[in-house]
Amino acid sequence: MKIKRWYQYLTYMFIVSLVFTGVSFSRFSSVINNTGAENTGSPGSPDEPGIEFSTWALEHQAAAVSLENLEPGDVKTIAIWVKNKNSAGTVSGYNQKVTLELTTTGNLPLEFTLHKTDGTPVALAHPDPYRYTSEGQMFTANTGETKTFVLTITWPAGSRDYMYANEIDYIELKLKAVQA
């Protein structure tokens, strides 16, 4: 009889603790609403952002950088354009700062320079041996802009070491857009 009463007591305490726990933790619940930047035409627009990222576009030629048949003394140029509107013509409603990041394996002694098509050089920082990052390019909200650049890849003529024979290098270009 004592064991039966003990089980009833434990069951009662279990039920009370479930109710008490549910009530006491409910005051800590909260609703989170997104207030960050979205891929919309203008700030505060009720439209859901689409899959197409309207902040920038990378020209198809630059998306796949081929170093095939590149030899010492060769120079390769790649045209890159960046725009703050999508293919439908919708302009981003946010000020943005865009940077170009180039990643390489560093297997070949390649040199990289970036400049605007008018010849103005764009600084490339070299934070580690495998990465180059351009200075930020600003885009103004609700103003359709296209910025064009030329990336030059140079294999210096003096770098003719036999150790580079049949060596493979890999270059990846990324654009990073941040709300400014």
Foldseek 3Di string as FASTA:
>chain_A
DVVVVVVVVVVVVVVVVVVVVVVVCVVVDDDDDDQDDAQDLAPPDPDHHDPDRQQWDWDPCQQAPDCPPPDAFDKDKDKTKIKQGDPVGRGAQFKKWKKKKKFKPLLAPKDKWKAFPVRHTWDWDPPDSGMTMTGIDIDHGPDIDMTMMMMMIHRHNVPPDPSCVVDDMGMGMDMDMDGD
